[in-house]
Amino acid sequence: MRYALILLVALTAPAFGQQPSLIFDGCVDSAGQPVRAVVDASQRQFVRIADEGGRPVLLYNPDALPRRRDSTRSFLFAQACARVNLGMPSHGIGVADARRADCWGVETLRRSQLIVDPAGVAAVQADLDLDEDEWSRLPGPVRTFDLVSCRGEAIRLPSAARPDGNRRAVNACLHACGDRLFRCQKGALSEAGACMSTFDACEAACGR
C-alpha cells in the first residue's frame, strides 16, 4: 500500500549571524505508519535512512548542503522519505528506482505546496548540479535528475493523517485501490490511461 506524503517544513530561529535551519516532518512508511525524522547535526550526510528498533528513521543534518536552496533540500529529504514509503532498501537501489522516488519526492512537494508550478520544479532541478562532496552526503546513486518529466498531478491516495474510526474502512478500501493502481502503473505517476480509469471506478465503489 502506498500513502500520499505531506511534507512539513519549518525554519528554526537562527543564532545571530547564522542561517536558519530546516526542520522536516510528515513522512510515513508503506503501511501508513509515521517515520521519525531526527536532526543529527553531527553527521556529515544531509539525510540517511537508519534503523531504530526495527523501524526506519530519517536522520538529517539540515545544514549539510549550505549551497542549496531550501526547496532543493526539501526535495532531497522528500526523496529519501519516498524510498521508505515505496518500500525500497536504504542503500544500493538502482537508477530506475531512484528516479521513481525522485518523482514521488516532487509530487510530495506539490502536495505540500512547497512548489506550486512548473517553474518551481525547474528551479529545483537546476539547483541539483551536485558535486562529488555533496553526492557523498546523500543515499545515491549518482545520477542526472529529470524532475520536469515527472507528472504534475498527484495521484489521489489517502492522506498521511491518521484516520478516525469512521474513516478506517473507507481508507482501507482506498489503499487497496491505490495498491492496484501502483502495480498497474509500475510505480509511474500518471493521471491518464486505463490504470487510472480502473482506479477511478474502484475509488467510487469505496464511497469516498
N, C-alpha and C. Protein backbone atom coordinates (compact mmCIF):
# COMPACT_ATOMS: atom_id res chain seq x y z
N MET A 1 0.83 -1.19 0.00
CA MET A 1 0.00 0.00 0.00
C MET A 1 0.87 1.24 0.00
N ARG A 2 0.46 2.27 -0.74
CA ARG A 2 1.23 3.50 -0.85
C ARG A 2 0.40 4.65 -0.33
N TYR A 3 0.92 5.41 0.59
CA TYR A 3 0.22 6.54 1.17
C TYR A 3 0.76 7.83 0.57
N ALA A 4 -0.14 8.78 0.32
CA ALA A 4 0.31 10.10 -0.11
C ALA A 4 1.10 10.74 1.01
N LEU A 5 2.18 11.42 0.64
CA LEU A 5 3.06 12.04 1.62
C LEU A 5 2.78 13.54 1.68
N ILE A 6 2.75 14.07 2.88
CA ILE A 6 2.64 15.50 3.08
C ILE A 6 3.84 15.93 3.91
N LEU A 7 4.75 16.66 3.31
CA LEU A 7 5.97 17.06 3.99
C LEU A 7 5.74 18.37 4.73
N LEU A 8 6.09 18.37 6.01
CA LEU A 8 6.00 19.58 6.82
C LEU A 8 7.40 20.12 7.00
N VAL A 9 7.58 21.39 6.65
CA VAL A 9 8.89 22.02 6.71
C VAL A 9 8.77 23.32 7.49
N ALA A 10 9.71 23.53 8.41
CA ALA A 10 9.75 24.77 9.18
C ALA A 10 11.17 25.27 9.24
N LEU A 11 11.32 26.54 9.55
CA LEU A 11 12.63 27.14 9.74
C LEU A 11 12.82 27.46 11.21
N THR A 12 13.93 27.00 11.77
CA THR A 12 14.24 27.34 13.14
C THR A 12 14.78 28.76 13.21
N ALA A 13 14.61 29.39 14.34
CA ALA A 13 15.18 30.72 14.54
C ALA A 13 16.69 30.58 14.65
N PRO A 14 17.45 31.27 13.81
CA PRO A 14 18.90 31.10 13.82
C PRO A 14 19.57 31.88 14.93
N ALA A 15 20.75 31.41 15.33
CA ALA A 15 21.58 32.21 16.21
C ALA A 15 22.10 33.41 15.43
N PHE A 16 22.54 34.42 16.12
CA PHE A 16 22.99 35.65 15.46
C PHE A 16 24.10 35.33 14.46
N GLY A 17 23.92 35.83 13.23
CA GLY A 17 24.94 35.66 12.21
C GLY A 17 24.89 34.33 11.49
N GLN A 18 23.89 33.46 11.81
CA GLN A 18 23.79 32.16 11.15
C GLN A 18 22.53 32.09 10.31
N GLN A 19 22.54 31.19 9.33
CA GLN A 19 21.36 30.96 8.52
C GLN A 19 20.36 30.08 9.27
N PRO A 20 19.04 30.25 9.02
CA PRO A 20 18.06 29.37 9.67
C PRO A 20 18.20 27.95 9.16
N SER A 21 17.80 26.98 10.00
CA SER A 21 17.89 25.56 9.65
C SER A 21 16.50 25.02 9.37
N LEU A 22 16.44 24.06 8.44
CA LEU A 22 15.17 23.43 8.11
C LEU A 22 14.85 22.32 9.10
N ILE A 23 13.57 22.18 9.41
CA ILE A 23 13.08 21.06 10.22
C ILE A 23 12.02 20.35 9.39
N PHE A 24 12.16 19.02 9.26
CA PHE A 24 11.25 18.24 8.43
C PHE A 24 10.39 17.33 9.30
N ASP A 25 9.17 17.03 8.80
CA ASP A 25 8.29 16.07 9.45
C ASP A 25 7.25 15.64 8.43
N GLY A 26 6.49 14.60 8.75
CA GLY A 26 5.38 14.19 7.92
C GLY A 26 5.60 12.95 7.09
N CYS A 27 6.73 12.25 7.26
CA CYS A 27 6.98 11.05 6.48
C CYS A 27 6.21 9.86 7.06
N VAL A 28 5.72 8.99 6.17
CA VAL A 28 5.09 7.74 6.58
C VAL A 28 5.66 6.61 5.74
N ASP A 29 5.60 5.38 6.27
CA ASP A 29 6.09 4.24 5.52
C ASP A 29 4.98 3.67 4.65
N SER A 30 5.23 2.53 4.01
CA SER A 30 4.27 1.95 3.07
C SER A 30 3.00 1.45 3.76
N ALA A 31 3.03 1.30 5.08
CA ALA A 31 1.85 0.89 5.84
C ALA A 31 1.14 2.09 6.47
N GLY A 32 1.61 3.30 6.18
CA GLY A 32 0.99 4.49 6.74
C GLY A 32 1.42 4.83 8.14
N GLN A 33 2.47 4.15 8.64
CA GLN A 33 2.97 4.43 9.98
C GLN A 33 3.96 5.59 9.94
N PRO A 34 3.88 6.50 10.91
CA PRO A 34 4.80 7.64 10.91
C PRO A 34 6.26 7.19 10.98
N VAL A 35 7.09 7.87 10.23
CA VAL A 35 8.54 7.64 10.25
C VAL A 35 9.18 8.85 10.91
N ARG A 36 9.91 8.60 12.00
CA ARG A 36 10.53 9.71 12.72
C ARG A 36 11.59 10.38 11.87
N ALA A 37 11.61 11.70 11.94
CA ALA A 37 12.66 12.50 11.31
C ALA A 37 13.42 13.19 12.43
N VAL A 38 14.71 12.90 12.54
CA VAL A 38 15.51 13.33 13.68
C VAL A 38 16.70 14.14 13.20
N VAL A 39 16.87 15.33 13.76
CA VAL A 39 18.04 16.15 13.44
C VAL A 39 19.28 15.53 14.07
N ASP A 40 20.33 15.37 13.28
CA ASP A 40 21.62 14.92 13.78
C ASP A 40 22.68 15.84 13.17
N ALA A 41 22.97 16.92 13.87
CA ALA A 41 23.90 17.92 13.35
C ALA A 41 25.34 17.40 13.32
N SER A 42 25.60 16.23 13.93
CA SER A 42 26.96 15.71 13.96
C SER A 42 27.29 14.89 12.72
N GLN A 43 26.28 14.43 11.96
CA GLN A 43 26.56 13.59 10.80
C GLN A 43 26.89 14.48 9.59
N ARG A 44 27.76 13.96 8.73
CA ARG A 44 28.12 14.73 7.53
C ARG A 44 27.09 14.57 6.42
N GLN A 45 26.31 13.47 6.48
CA GLN A 45 25.28 13.28 5.46
C GLN A 45 24.15 14.28 5.65
N PHE A 46 23.57 14.70 4.54
CA PHE A 46 22.38 15.53 4.64
C PHE A 46 21.21 14.71 5.16
N VAL A 47 21.01 13.52 4.60
CA VAL A 47 19.94 12.65 5.07
C VAL A 47 20.38 11.20 4.88
N ARG A 48 20.02 10.36 5.82
CA ARG A 48 20.26 8.93 5.69
C ARG A 48 19.13 8.17 6.37
N ILE A 49 18.88 6.98 5.86
CA ILE A 49 17.83 6.13 6.40
C ILE A 49 18.47 5.13 7.35
N ALA A 50 18.07 5.17 8.61
CA ALA A 50 18.65 4.29 9.63
C ALA A 50 17.56 3.39 10.20
N ASP A 51 17.99 2.47 11.03
CA ASP A 51 17.08 1.53 11.69
C ASP A 51 17.03 1.85 13.18
N GLU A 52 15.83 1.90 13.72
CA GLU A 52 15.64 2.20 15.13
C GLU A 52 14.67 1.18 15.71
N GLY A 53 15.22 0.13 16.28
CA GLY A 53 14.37 -0.92 16.83
C GLY A 53 13.49 -1.59 15.80
N GLY A 54 14.04 -1.80 14.61
CA GLY A 54 13.28 -2.45 13.56
C GLY A 54 12.40 -1.52 12.75
N ARG A 55 12.43 -0.23 13.05
CA ARG A 55 11.63 0.75 12.32
C ARG A 55 12.56 1.73 11.61
N PRO A 56 12.20 2.17 10.40
CA PRO A 56 13.05 3.15 9.72
C PRO A 56 12.97 4.51 10.40
N VAL A 57 14.05 5.22 10.38
CA VAL A 57 14.09 6.59 10.90
C VAL A 57 14.96 7.40 9.94
N LEU A 58 14.56 8.63 9.69
CA LEU A 58 15.32 9.52 8.81
C LEU A 58 16.16 10.47 9.67
N LEU A 59 17.46 10.33 9.58
CA LEU A 59 18.38 11.21 10.29
C LEU A 59 18.90 12.25 9.29
N TYR A 60 18.82 13.50 9.67
CA TYR A 60 19.24 14.53 8.72
C TYR A 60 19.98 15.67 9.42
N ASN A 61 20.88 16.24 8.66
CA ASN A 61 21.61 17.42 9.10
C ASN A 61 21.19 18.56 8.17
N PRO A 62 20.29 19.44 8.61
CA PRO A 62 19.73 20.46 7.71
C PRO A 62 20.74 21.44 7.17
N ASP A 63 21.93 21.48 7.77
CA ASP A 63 22.94 22.44 7.35
C ASP A 63 24.05 21.80 6.52
N ALA A 64 23.86 20.54 6.10
CA ALA A 64 24.93 19.80 5.42
C ALA A 64 25.11 20.22 3.96
N LEU A 65 24.10 20.84 3.36
CA LEU A 65 24.19 21.27 1.97
C LEU A 65 23.92 22.77 1.90
N PRO A 66 24.80 23.58 2.43
CA PRO A 66 24.51 25.00 2.58
C PRO A 66 24.39 25.76 1.26
N ARG A 67 24.95 25.22 0.17
CA ARG A 67 24.88 25.94 -1.11
C ARG A 67 23.53 25.76 -1.81
N ARG A 68 22.70 24.84 -1.31
CA ARG A 68 21.47 24.50 -2.00
C ARG A 68 20.27 25.24 -1.41
N ARG A 69 19.28 25.49 -2.27
CA ARG A 69 18.07 26.20 -1.88
C ARG A 69 17.27 25.38 -0.87
N ASP A 70 16.43 26.06 -0.09
CA ASP A 70 15.56 25.35 0.84
C ASP A 70 14.66 24.36 0.10
N SER A 71 14.13 24.77 -1.05
CA SER A 71 13.26 23.87 -1.81
C SER A 71 14.02 22.65 -2.31
N THR A 72 15.28 22.82 -2.65
CA THR A 72 16.09 21.68 -3.11
C THR A 72 16.36 20.72 -1.96
N ARG A 73 16.72 21.25 -0.81
CA ARG A 73 16.95 20.38 0.35
C ARG A 73 15.65 19.70 0.78
N SER A 74 14.53 20.41 0.67
CA SER A 74 13.24 19.79 0.98
C SER A 74 12.96 18.64 0.02
N PHE A 75 13.29 18.83 -1.26
CA PHE A 75 13.12 17.74 -2.23
C PHE A 75 13.98 16.54 -1.87
N LEU A 76 15.23 16.76 -1.51
CA LEU A 76 16.13 15.66 -1.20
C LEU A 76 15.66 14.89 0.03
N PHE A 77 15.10 15.59 1.01
CA PHE A 77 14.53 14.89 2.16
C PHE A 77 13.29 14.11 1.71
N ALA A 78 12.41 14.74 0.91
CA ALA A 78 11.20 14.07 0.45
C ALA A 78 11.53 12.84 -0.38
N GLN A 79 12.62 12.90 -1.15
CA GLN A 79 13.03 11.76 -1.95
C GLN A 79 13.46 10.59 -1.05
N ALA A 80 14.18 10.89 0.03
CA ALA A 80 14.56 9.84 0.97
C ALA A 80 13.32 9.25 1.65
N CYS A 81 12.39 10.13 2.00
CA CYS A 81 11.13 9.66 2.58
C CYS A 81 10.38 8.77 1.60
N ALA A 82 10.37 9.15 0.31
CA ALA A 82 9.67 8.36 -0.70
C ALA A 82 10.25 6.95 -0.80
N ARG A 83 11.55 6.81 -0.62
CA ARG A 83 12.16 5.47 -0.65
C ARG A 83 11.56 4.59 0.44
N VAL A 84 11.38 5.17 1.62
CA VAL A 84 10.77 4.42 2.71
C VAL A 84 9.31 4.11 2.38
N ASN A 85 8.59 5.12 1.89
CA ASN A 85 7.18 4.96 1.56
C ASN A 85 6.96 3.91 0.49
N LEU A 86 7.89 3.81 -0.45
CA LEU A 86 7.79 2.84 -1.54
C LEU A 86 8.39 1.48 -1.20
N GLY A 87 8.90 1.34 0.04
CA GLY A 87 9.44 0.06 0.47
C GLY A 87 10.80 -0.29 -0.11
N MET A 88 11.56 0.71 -0.53
CA MET A 88 12.88 0.46 -1.09
C MET A 88 13.91 0.28 0.03
N PRO A 89 15.01 -0.42 -0.26
CA PRO A 89 16.07 -0.54 0.74
C PRO A 89 16.76 0.80 0.96
N SER A 90 17.43 0.95 2.09
CA SER A 90 18.06 2.22 2.42
C SER A 90 19.28 2.50 1.55
N HIS A 91 19.91 1.44 1.03
CA HIS A 91 21.10 1.61 0.20
C HIS A 91 21.04 0.63 -0.97
N GLY A 92 21.81 0.95 -2.00
CA GLY A 92 22.00 0.00 -3.08
C GLY A 92 20.89 -0.07 -4.11
N ILE A 93 20.02 0.94 -4.20
CA ILE A 93 18.98 0.89 -5.21
C ILE A 93 19.55 1.35 -6.55
N GLY A 94 18.90 0.95 -7.63
CA GLY A 94 19.34 1.33 -8.96
C GLY A 94 18.82 2.69 -9.37
N VAL A 95 19.29 3.15 -10.51
CA VAL A 95 18.90 4.47 -11.00
C VAL A 95 17.40 4.53 -11.29
N ALA A 96 16.82 3.47 -11.83
CA ALA A 96 15.39 3.47 -12.16
C ALA A 96 14.55 3.67 -10.90
N ASP A 97 14.87 2.94 -9.83
CA ASP A 97 14.13 3.11 -8.58
C ASP A 97 14.37 4.49 -7.99
N ALA A 98 15.60 4.98 -8.08
CA ALA A 98 15.91 6.31 -7.55
C ALA A 98 15.09 7.37 -8.28
N ARG A 99 14.96 7.24 -9.59
CA ARG A 99 14.18 8.22 -10.34
C ARG A 99 12.69 8.11 -10.03
N ARG A 100 12.23 6.89 -9.75
CA ARG A 100 10.83 6.74 -9.32
C ARG A 100 10.61 7.48 -8.00
N ALA A 101 11.55 7.34 -7.07
CA ALA A 101 11.45 8.07 -5.81
C ALA A 101 11.59 9.57 -6.03
N ASP A 102 12.41 9.98 -7.02
CA ASP A 102 12.51 11.40 -7.36
C ASP A 102 11.14 11.96 -7.71
N CYS A 103 10.39 11.24 -8.55
CA CYS A 103 9.08 11.73 -8.97
C CYS A 103 8.11 11.79 -7.79
N TRP A 104 8.17 10.80 -6.91
CA TRP A 104 7.32 10.85 -5.72
C TRP A 104 7.74 12.01 -4.83
N GLY A 105 9.04 12.29 -4.77
CA GLY A 105 9.51 13.43 -3.99
C GLY A 105 8.97 14.74 -4.53
N VAL A 106 8.98 14.89 -5.86
CA VAL A 106 8.42 16.09 -6.48
C VAL A 106 6.94 16.23 -6.17
N GLU A 107 6.19 15.11 -6.29
CA GLU A 107 4.77 15.17 -6.01
C GLU A 107 4.50 15.50 -4.54
N THR A 108 5.39 15.04 -3.65
CA THR A 108 5.25 15.40 -2.23
C THR A 108 5.38 16.90 -2.05
N LEU A 109 6.35 17.51 -2.72
CA LEU A 109 6.50 18.96 -2.61
C LEU A 109 5.29 19.69 -3.19
N ARG A 110 4.70 19.14 -4.25
CA ARG A 110 3.49 19.76 -4.81
C ARG A 110 2.34 19.68 -3.80
N ARG A 111 2.11 18.49 -3.25
CA ARG A 111 1.01 18.34 -2.29
C ARG A 111 1.22 19.22 -1.07
N SER A 112 2.48 19.41 -0.70
CA SER A 112 2.81 20.20 0.49
C SER A 112 2.87 21.69 0.19
N GLN A 113 2.63 22.06 -1.08
CA GLN A 113 2.64 23.46 -1.51
C GLN A 113 4.02 24.11 -1.36
N LEU A 114 5.07 23.30 -1.38
CA LEU A 114 6.42 23.84 -1.33
C LEU A 114 6.91 24.23 -2.72
N ILE A 115 6.33 23.62 -3.75
CA ILE A 115 6.45 24.12 -5.11
C ILE A 115 5.04 24.13 -5.69
N VAL A 116 4.75 25.12 -6.50
CA VAL A 116 3.36 25.31 -6.92
C VAL A 116 3.20 25.37 -8.44
N ASP A 117 4.29 25.36 -9.19
CA ASP A 117 4.16 25.46 -10.64
C ASP A 117 5.39 24.84 -11.30
N PRO A 118 5.34 24.67 -12.62
CA PRO A 118 6.49 24.07 -13.33
C PRO A 118 7.78 24.84 -13.13
N ALA A 119 7.69 26.15 -12.96
CA ALA A 119 8.91 26.94 -12.74
C ALA A 119 9.59 26.53 -11.45
N GLY A 120 8.80 26.18 -10.43
CA GLY A 120 9.38 25.72 -9.17
C GLY A 120 10.12 24.40 -9.33
N VAL A 121 9.54 23.49 -10.13
CA VAL A 121 10.20 22.21 -10.40
C VAL A 121 11.50 22.46 -11.16
N ALA A 122 11.44 23.32 -12.17
CA ALA A 122 12.63 23.61 -12.96
C ALA A 122 13.73 24.24 -12.12
N ALA A 123 13.34 25.09 -11.16
CA ALA A 123 14.33 25.73 -10.29
C ALA A 123 15.03 24.71 -9.42
N VAL A 124 14.27 23.74 -8.88
CA VAL A 124 14.89 22.69 -8.07
C VAL A 124 15.83 21.86 -8.93
N GLN A 125 15.37 21.47 -10.13
CA GLN A 125 16.22 20.66 -11.00
C GLN A 125 17.51 21.40 -11.33
N ALA A 126 17.41 22.68 -11.62
CA ALA A 126 18.60 23.45 -11.97
C ALA A 126 19.58 23.54 -10.81
N ASP A 127 19.04 23.48 -9.59
CA ASP A 127 19.88 23.59 -8.40
C ASP A 127 20.53 22.27 -8.01
N LEU A 128 20.15 21.19 -8.70
CA LEU A 128 20.65 19.86 -8.34
C LEU A 128 21.90 19.48 -9.13
N ASP A 129 22.75 20.46 -9.40
CA ASP A 129 24.04 20.17 -10.04
C ASP A 129 25.06 19.87 -8.94
N LEU A 130 24.88 18.70 -8.32
CA LEU A 130 25.64 18.35 -7.12
C LEU A 130 27.07 17.96 -7.47
N ASP A 131 28.00 18.38 -6.63
CA ASP A 131 29.39 17.99 -6.83
C ASP A 131 29.66 16.68 -6.08
N GLU A 132 30.88 16.20 -6.19
CA GLU A 132 31.23 14.89 -5.61
C GLU A 132 31.04 14.88 -4.10
N ASP A 133 31.42 15.95 -3.42
CA ASP A 133 31.25 16.01 -1.97
C ASP A 133 29.78 15.98 -1.59
N GLU A 134 28.95 16.71 -2.31
CA GLU A 134 27.52 16.73 -1.98
C GLU A 134 26.88 15.37 -2.22
N TRP A 135 27.25 14.69 -3.31
CA TRP A 135 26.70 13.35 -3.55
C TRP A 135 27.08 12.40 -2.42
N SER A 136 28.27 12.57 -1.85
CA SER A 136 28.69 11.69 -0.76
C SER A 136 27.87 11.89 0.49
N ARG A 137 27.08 12.94 0.54
CA ARG A 137 26.22 13.24 1.69
C ARG A 137 24.78 12.77 1.49
N LEU A 138 24.54 12.05 0.38
CA LEU A 138 23.19 11.60 0.03
C LEU A 138 23.18 10.08 -0.20
N PRO A 139 21.99 9.45 -0.14
CA PRO A 139 21.93 8.00 -0.31
C PRO A 139 22.37 7.50 -1.68
N GLY A 140 22.28 8.35 -2.73
CA GLY A 140 22.67 7.90 -4.06
C GLY A 140 21.56 7.07 -4.71
N PRO A 141 21.80 6.51 -5.90
CA PRO A 141 23.05 6.55 -6.67
C PRO A 141 23.25 7.90 -7.37
N VAL A 142 24.50 8.17 -7.76
CA VAL A 142 24.79 9.37 -8.52
C VAL A 142 24.06 9.28 -9.86
N ARG A 143 23.37 10.34 -10.22
CA ARG A 143 22.55 10.32 -11.44
C ARG A 143 22.26 11.75 -11.88
N THR A 144 21.72 11.86 -13.08
CA THR A 144 21.20 13.13 -13.58
C THR A 144 19.73 13.22 -13.24
N PHE A 145 19.32 14.32 -12.66
CA PHE A 145 17.92 14.49 -12.29
C PHE A 145 17.10 14.96 -13.49
N ASP A 146 15.91 14.40 -13.63
CA ASP A 146 14.99 14.80 -14.70
C ASP A 146 13.60 14.99 -14.10
N LEU A 147 13.48 15.98 -13.23
CA LEU A 147 12.24 16.20 -12.49
C LEU A 147 11.13 16.74 -13.37
N VAL A 148 11.49 17.51 -14.39
CA VAL A 148 10.46 18.14 -15.21
C VAL A 148 9.68 17.10 -16.03
N SER A 149 10.21 15.88 -16.16
CA SER A 149 9.47 14.85 -16.89
C SER A 149 8.48 14.11 -15.99
N CYS A 150 8.53 14.34 -14.69
CA CYS A 150 7.57 13.72 -13.78
C CYS A 150 6.20 14.34 -13.98
N ARG A 151 5.16 13.56 -13.81
CA ARG A 151 3.81 14.06 -13.99
C ARG A 151 3.52 15.13 -12.95
N GLY A 152 2.76 16.16 -13.36
CA GLY A 152 2.47 17.27 -12.47
C GLY A 152 1.36 17.01 -11.48
N GLU A 153 0.47 16.05 -11.78
CA GLU A 153 -0.67 15.86 -10.90
C GLU A 153 -0.37 14.77 -9.89
N ALA A 154 -0.83 14.95 -8.65
CA ALA A 154 -0.64 13.95 -7.61
C ALA A 154 -1.69 12.86 -7.74
N ILE A 155 -1.28 11.62 -7.60
CA ILE A 155 -2.23 10.52 -7.55
C ILE A 155 -3.07 10.68 -6.28
N ARG A 156 -4.36 10.43 -6.41
CA ARG A 156 -5.27 10.72 -5.31
C ARG A 156 -5.32 9.56 -4.32
N LEU A 157 -4.30 9.42 -3.53
CA LEU A 157 -4.27 8.41 -2.49
C LEU A 157 -4.69 9.03 -1.16
N PRO A 158 -5.04 8.21 -0.16
CA PRO A 158 -5.47 8.76 1.13
C PRO A 158 -4.39 9.60 1.78
N SER A 159 -4.81 10.50 2.63
CA SER A 159 -3.89 11.39 3.33
C SER A 159 -3.02 10.61 4.30
N ALA A 160 -1.83 11.19 4.61
CA ALA A 160 -0.97 10.59 5.62
C ALA A 160 -1.49 10.83 7.02
N ALA A 161 -2.50 11.70 7.18
CA ALA A 161 -3.05 11.96 8.50
C ALA A 161 -3.72 10.69 9.03
N ARG A 162 -3.64 10.47 10.33
CA ARG A 162 -4.24 9.29 10.93
C ARG A 162 -5.76 9.38 10.84
N PRO A 163 -6.44 8.36 10.30
CA PRO A 163 -7.89 8.44 10.16
C PRO A 163 -8.59 8.20 11.48
N ASP A 164 -9.81 8.80 11.61
CA ASP A 164 -10.61 8.48 12.77
C ASP A 164 -11.34 7.17 12.49
N GLY A 165 -12.14 6.70 13.48
CA GLY A 165 -12.78 5.41 13.35
C GLY A 165 -13.71 5.31 12.15
N ASN A 166 -14.36 6.41 11.78
CA ASN A 166 -15.31 6.40 10.68
C ASN A 166 -14.63 6.36 9.32
N ARG A 167 -13.35 6.66 9.28
CA ARG A 167 -12.64 6.70 8.00
C ARG A 167 -11.83 5.45 7.72
N ARG A 168 -11.63 4.59 8.73
CA ARG A 168 -10.70 3.48 8.56
C ARG A 168 -11.15 2.51 7.47
N ALA A 169 -12.45 2.19 7.44
CA ALA A 169 -12.93 1.23 6.45
C ALA A 169 -12.78 1.80 5.04
N VAL A 170 -13.14 3.07 4.88
CA VAL A 170 -13.01 3.71 3.57
C VAL A 170 -11.55 3.77 3.16
N ASN A 171 -10.68 4.16 4.10
CA ASN A 171 -9.26 4.26 3.77
C ASN A 171 -8.67 2.91 3.40
N ALA A 172 -9.09 1.85 4.10
CA ALA A 172 -8.59 0.51 3.77
C ALA A 172 -8.97 0.16 2.33
N CYS A 173 -10.20 0.51 1.93
CA CYS A 173 -10.64 0.27 0.56
C CYS A 173 -9.81 1.08 -0.42
N LEU A 174 -9.57 2.35 -0.09
CA LEU A 174 -8.80 3.21 -0.97
C LEU A 174 -7.35 2.75 -1.09
N HIS A 175 -6.79 2.28 0.03
CA HIS A 175 -5.43 1.77 -0.01
C HIS A 175 -5.32 0.59 -0.97
N ALA A 176 -6.33 -0.29 -0.94
CA ALA A 176 -6.33 -1.43 -1.85
C ALA A 176 -6.40 -0.95 -3.30
N CYS A 177 -7.24 0.08 -3.56
CA CYS A 177 -7.31 0.66 -4.90
C CYS A 177 -5.96 1.24 -5.31
N GLY A 178 -5.34 1.97 -4.40
CA GLY A 178 -4.06 2.58 -4.69
C GLY A 178 -2.97 1.56 -4.93
N ASP A 179 -3.03 0.45 -4.19
CA ASP A 179 -2.02 -0.59 -4.39
C ASP A 179 -2.15 -1.21 -5.77
N ARG A 180 -3.41 -1.45 -6.21
CA ARG A 180 -3.63 -2.00 -7.55
C ARG A 180 -3.17 -1.00 -8.63
N LEU A 181 -3.45 0.29 -8.38
CA LEU A 181 -3.00 1.32 -9.32
C LEU A 181 -1.48 1.35 -9.43
N PHE A 182 -0.82 1.27 -8.27
CA PHE A 182 0.64 1.30 -8.25
C PHE A 182 1.22 0.14 -9.06
N ARG A 183 0.66 -1.06 -8.86
CA ARG A 183 1.14 -2.22 -9.61
C ARG A 183 0.85 -2.07 -11.11
N CYS A 184 -0.34 -1.55 -11.42
CA CYS A 184 -0.73 -1.38 -12.81
C CYS A 184 0.20 -0.41 -13.54
N GLN A 185 0.53 0.70 -12.86
CA GLN A 185 1.38 1.72 -13.48
C GLN A 185 2.87 1.46 -13.28
N LYS A 186 3.20 0.38 -12.56
CA LYS A 186 4.59 0.02 -12.31
C LYS A 186 5.37 1.17 -11.67
N GLY A 187 4.68 1.86 -10.74
CA GLY A 187 5.34 2.93 -9.98
C GLY A 187 5.34 4.27 -10.65
N ALA A 188 4.87 4.36 -11.89
CA ALA A 188 4.86 5.65 -12.58
C ALA A 188 3.71 6.50 -12.06
N LEU A 189 3.81 7.81 -12.25
CA LEU A 189 2.75 8.72 -11.85
C LEU A 189 2.04 9.22 -13.10
N SER A 190 0.77 8.89 -13.25
CA SER A 190 0.02 9.35 -14.41
C SER A 190 -1.44 9.49 -14.05
N GLU A 191 -2.08 10.54 -14.55
CA GLU A 191 -3.50 10.76 -14.32
C GLU A 191 -4.34 10.29 -15.50
N ALA A 192 -3.73 9.61 -16.46
CA ALA A 192 -4.45 9.20 -17.66
C ALA A 192 -4.27 7.71 -17.87
N GLY A 193 -5.10 7.15 -18.78
CA GLY A 193 -4.93 5.77 -19.17
C GLY A 193 -5.86 4.81 -18.45
N ALA A 194 -5.77 3.53 -18.88
CA ALA A 194 -6.66 2.52 -18.35
C ALA A 194 -6.46 2.29 -16.86
N CYS A 195 -5.20 2.40 -16.38
CA CYS A 195 -4.94 2.18 -14.96
C CYS A 195 -5.72 3.18 -14.12
N MET A 196 -5.70 4.46 -14.52
CA MET A 196 -6.39 5.48 -13.75
C MET A 196 -7.90 5.33 -13.86
N SER A 197 -8.40 4.90 -15.01
CA SER A 197 -9.83 4.67 -15.16
C SER A 197 -10.31 3.58 -14.21
N THR A 198 -9.51 2.52 -14.09
CA THR A 198 -9.84 1.45 -13.15
C THR A 198 -9.79 1.95 -11.72
N PHE A 199 -8.80 2.79 -11.41
CA PHE A 199 -8.69 3.36 -10.08
C PHE A 199 -9.90 4.23 -9.76
N ASP A 200 -10.34 5.05 -10.73
CA ASP A 200 -11.50 5.92 -10.50
C ASP A 200 -12.73 5.10 -10.15
N ALA A 201 -12.94 3.98 -10.87
CA ALA A 201 -14.09 3.13 -10.59
C ALA A 201 -13.97 2.49 -9.22
N CYS A 202 -12.74 2.05 -8.87
CA CYS A 202 -12.51 1.44 -7.57
C CYS A 202 -12.75 2.45 -6.45
N GLU A 203 -12.26 3.67 -6.65
CA GLU A 203 -12.42 4.73 -5.66
C GLU A 203 -13.90 5.05 -5.44
N ALA A 204 -14.66 5.12 -6.53
CA ALA A 204 -16.09 5.40 -6.42
C ALA A 204 -16.81 4.31 -5.64
N ALA A 205 -16.40 3.06 -5.87
CA ALA A 205 -17.03 1.94 -5.18
C ALA A 205 -16.76 1.96 -3.68
N CYS A 206 -15.65 2.64 -3.28
CA CYS A 206 -15.33 2.73 -1.85
C CYS A 206 -16.26 3.71 -1.13
N GLY A 207 -16.97 4.53 -1.87
CA GLY A 207 -17.86 5.50 -1.25
C GLY A 207 -17.15 6.67 -0.65
N ARG A 208 -16.05 7.06 -1.28
CA ARG A 208 -15.25 8.18 -0.75
C ARG A 208 -16.06 9.46 -0.75
